[in-house]
Amino acid sequence: MKTLPATAFVSFLLFWLLLTRLIAEAYPTTYDCCYRYTRKPLPRYAVRRFTMQSADEVCDINAVIFHTTHRFRVCANPQEKWVKVLIETLSKKTSQGRRGYNNF
């Protein structure tokens, strides 16, 4: 009689693992976060657009993600002066309506 509770527990545990696995596959939660910043400033001609990463959401740090003309993504510290200048330059291009310089 002692094996019945153990069997029920193991069955429940297997059911729970299967259920959580199915839920994980149904709702993918992969995020591509920046974990460190580049040390080298990027030239303006190499950057097409940028996006912002917030530590308030899924990722651990605040970052500016620059999308380059060669389809790389480069993470930068939003507090650095060169990053602020590049964001301002790209934002001006966005307000002028140029294609490819959006910040979404």
C-alpha atoms as a PDB file:
ATOM      1  CA  MET A   1       0.000   0.000   0.000  1.00  0.00           C
ATOM      2  CA  LYS A   2       2.927   2.353   0.497  1.00  0.00           C
ATOM      3  CA  THR A   3       3.817   2.119  -3.189  1.00  0.00           C
ATOM      4  CA  LEU A   4       0.545   3.693  -4.280  1.00  0.00           C
ATOM      5  CA  PRO A   5       1.373   7.211  -2.934  1.00  0.00           C
ATOM      6  CA  ALA A   6       4.882   6.964  -4.368  1.00  0.00           C
ATOM      7  CA  THR A   7       3.527   5.906  -7.752  1.00  0.00           C
ATOM      8  CA  ALA A   8       0.967   8.702  -7.687  1.00  0.00           C
ATOM      9  CA  PHE A   9       3.691  11.207  -6.827  1.00  0.00           C
ATOM     10  CA  VAL A  10       5.957  10.020  -9.645  1.00  0.00           C
ATOM     11  CA  SER A  11       3.036  10.100 -12.092  1.00  0.00           C
ATOM     12  CA  PHE A  12       2.154  13.621 -11.019  1.00  0.00           C
ATOM     13  CA  LEU A  13       5.784  14.701 -11.324  1.00  0.00           C
ATOM     14  CA  LEU A  14       6.065  13.285 -14.859  1.00  0.00           C
ATOM     15  CA  PHE A  15       2.773  14.926 -15.815  1.00  0.00           C
ATOM     16  CA  TRP A  16       3.996  18.260 -14.442  1.00  0.00           C
ATOM     17  CA  LEU A  17       7.292  18.047 -16.339  1.00  0.00           C
ATOM     18  CA  LEU A  18       5.487  17.200 -19.566  1.00  0.00           C
ATOM     19  CA  LEU A  19       3.025  20.046 -19.082  1.00  0.00           C
ATOM     20  CA  THR A  20       5.738  22.646 -18.409  1.00  0.00           C
ATOM     21  CA  ARG A  21       7.681  21.423 -21.440  1.00  0.00           C
ATOM     22  CA  LEU A  22       4.631  21.825 -23.679  1.00  0.00           C
ATOM     23  CA  ILE A  23       3.952  25.304 -22.341  1.00  0.00           C
ATOM     24  CA  ALA A  24       7.579  26.312 -22.890  1.00  0.00           C
ATOM     25  CA  GLU A  25       7.424  25.166 -26.507  1.00  0.00           C
ATOM     26  CA  ALA A  26       4.124  26.937 -27.120  1.00  0.00           C
ATOM     27  CA  TYR A  27       5.381  30.265 -25.801  1.00  0.00           C
ATOM     28  CA  PRO A  28       8.996  30.855 -26.819  1.00  0.00           C
ATOM     29  CA  THR A  29      10.837  33.130 -24.437  1.00  0.00           C
ATOM     30  CA  THR A  30      14.171  33.637 -26.117  1.00  0.00           C
ATOM     31  CA  TYR A  31      15.421  37.184 -25.846  1.00  0.00           C
ATOM     32  CA  ASP A  32      18.522  38.537 -27.466  1.00  0.00           C
ATOM     33  CA  CYS A  33      19.905  40.803 -24.764  1.00  0.00           C
ATOM     34  CA  CYS A  34      23.095  42.813 -24.498  1.00  0.00           C
ATOM     35  CA  TYR A  35      25.280  41.677 -21.628  1.00  0.00           C
ATOM     36  CA  ARG A  36      28.238  43.981 -22.188  1.00  0.00           C
ATOM     37  CA  TYR A  37      29.120  47.115 -24.129  1.00  0.00           C
ATOM     38  CA  THR A  38      31.498  47.725 -26.984  1.00  0.00           C
ATOM     39  CA  ARG A  39      34.655  49.618 -26.059  1.00  0.00           C
ATOM     40  CA  LYS A  40      35.154  51.182 -29.477  1.00  0.00           C
ATOM     41  CA  PRO A  41      32.994  53.981 -30.873  1.00  0.00           C
ATOM     42  CA  LEU A  42      31.226  53.223 -34.142  1.00  0.00           C
ATOM     43  CA  PRO A  43      31.563  55.518 -37.137  1.00  0.00           C
ATOM     44  CA  ARG A  44      28.332  57.132 -38.311  1.00  0.00           C
ATOM     45  CA  TYR A  45      28.549  55.630 -41.802  1.00  0.00           C
ATOM     46  CA  ALA A  46      28.518  52.094 -40.354  1.00  0.00           C
ATOM     47  CA  VAL A  47      25.191  52.482 -38.506  1.00  0.00           C
ATOM     48  CA  ARG A  48      21.762  52.189 -40.124  1.00  0.00           C
ATOM     49  CA  ARG A  49      19.523  52.510 -37.093  1.00  0.00           C
ATOM     50  CA  PHE A  50      19.322  51.849 -33.352  1.00  0.00           C
ATOM     51  CA  THR A  51      17.021  50.315 -30.770  1.00  0.00           C
ATOM     52  CA  MET A  52      16.900  50.738 -27.024  1.00  0.00           C
ATOM     53  CA  GLN A  53      17.190  47.943 -24.467  1.00  0.00           C
ATOM     54  CA  SER A  54      15.798  48.595 -21.008  1.00  0.00           C
ATOM     55  CA  ALA A  55      16.859  46.901 -17.795  1.00  0.00           C
ATOM     56  CA  ASP A  56      13.269  47.346 -16.588  1.00  0.00           C
ATOM     57  CA  GLU A  57      12.109  44.676 -18.996  1.00  0.00           C
ATOM     58  CA  VAL A  58      13.655  41.256 -19.649  1.00  0.00           C
ATOM     59  CA  CYS A  59      17.334  42.151 -20.029  1.00  0.00           C
ATOM     60  CA  ASP A  60      19.795  42.946 -17.241  1.00  0.00           C
ATOM     61  CA  ILE A  61      21.342  46.205 -18.465  1.00  0.00           C
ATOM     62  CA  ASN A  62      20.303  49.368 -20.272  1.00  0.00           C
ATOM     63  CA  ALA A  63      21.855  49.495 -23.720  1.00  0.00           C
ATOM     64  CA  VAL A  64      21.645  51.082 -27.116  1.00  0.00           C
ATOM     65  CA  ILE A  65      21.753  48.494 -29.878  1.00  0.00           C
ATOM     66  CA  PHE A  66      23.209  49.889 -33.079  1.00  0.00           C
ATOM     67  CA  HIS A  67      22.256  48.006 -36.241  1.00  0.00           C
ATOM     68  CA  THR A  68      25.099  48.279 -38.736  1.00  0.00           C
ATOM     69  CA  THR A  69      25.110  48.357 -42.503  1.00  0.00           C
ATOM     70  CA  HIS A  70      26.569  44.831 -42.466  1.00  0.00           C
ATOM     71  CA  ARG A  71      23.645  43.576 -40.350  1.00  0.00           C
ATOM     72  CA  PHE A  72      25.585  43.314 -37.091  1.00  0.00           C
ATOM     73  CA  ARG A  73      24.150  44.462 -33.809  1.00  0.00           C
ATOM     74  CA  VAL A  74      26.506  46.317 -31.499  1.00  0.00           C
ATOM     75  CA  CYS A  75      25.659  47.041 -27.873  1.00  0.00           C
ATOM     76  CA  ALA A  76      26.725  50.387 -26.442  1.00  0.00           C
ATOM     77  CA  ASN A  77      26.493  52.155 -23.102  1.00  0.00           C
ATOM     78  CA  PRO A  78      23.754  54.808 -23.329  1.00  0.00           C
ATOM     79  CA  GLN A  79      25.673  57.016 -20.877  1.00  0.00           C
ATOM     80  CA  GLU A  80      28.730  57.440 -23.108  1.00  0.00           C
ATOM     81  CA  LYS A  81      29.072  60.692 -25.019  1.00  0.00           C
ATOM     82  CA  TRP A  82      29.727  59.140 -28.448  1.00  0.00           C
ATOM     83  CA  VAL A  83      26.561  57.053 -28.069  1.00  0.00           C
ATOM     84  CA  LYS A  84      24.460  60.114 -27.245  1.00  0.00           C
ATOM     85  CA  VAL A  85      25.882  61.999 -30.227  1.00  0.00           C
ATOM     86  CA  LEU A  86      25.219  59.090 -32.587  1.00  0.00           C
ATOM     87  CA  ILE A  87      21.654  58.706 -31.297  1.00  0.00           C
ATOM     88  CA  GLU A  88      21.049  62.414 -31.822  1.00  0.00           C
ATOM     89  CA  THR A  89      22.415  62.213 -35.362  1.00  0.00           C
ATOM     90  CA  LEU A  90      20.291  59.197 -36.224  1.00  0.00           C
ATOM     91  CA  SER A  91      17.209  60.772 -34.642  1.00  0.00           C
ATOM     92  CA  LYS A  92      17.618  63.856 -36.821  1.00  0.00           C
ATOM     93  CA  LYS A  93      17.717  61.634 -39.888  1.00  0.00           C
ATOM     94  CA  THR A  94      14.517  59.932 -38.678  1.00  0.00           C
ATOM     95  CA  SER A  95      12.715  63.218 -38.246  1.00  0.00           C
ATOM     96  CA  GLN A  96      13.704  64.160 -41.791  1.00  0.00           C
ATOM     97  CA  GLY A  97      11.987  61.018 -43.023  1.00  0.00           C
ATOM     98  CA  ARG A  98      14.997  59.164 -44.376  1.00  0.00           C
ATOM     99  CA  ARG A  99      14.461  55.476 -44.958  1.00  0.00           C
ATOM    100  CA  GLY A 100      16.444  53.076 -42.758  1.00  0.00           C
ATOM    101  CA  TYR A 101      17.094  55.388 -39.842  1.00  0.00           C
ATOM    102  CA  ASN A 102      14.308  54.475 -37.479  1.00  0.00           C
ATOM    103  CA  ASN A 103      14.630  53.766 -33.809  1.00  0.00           C
ATOM    104  CA  PHE A 104      12.098  51.030 -33.152  1.00  0.00           C
END
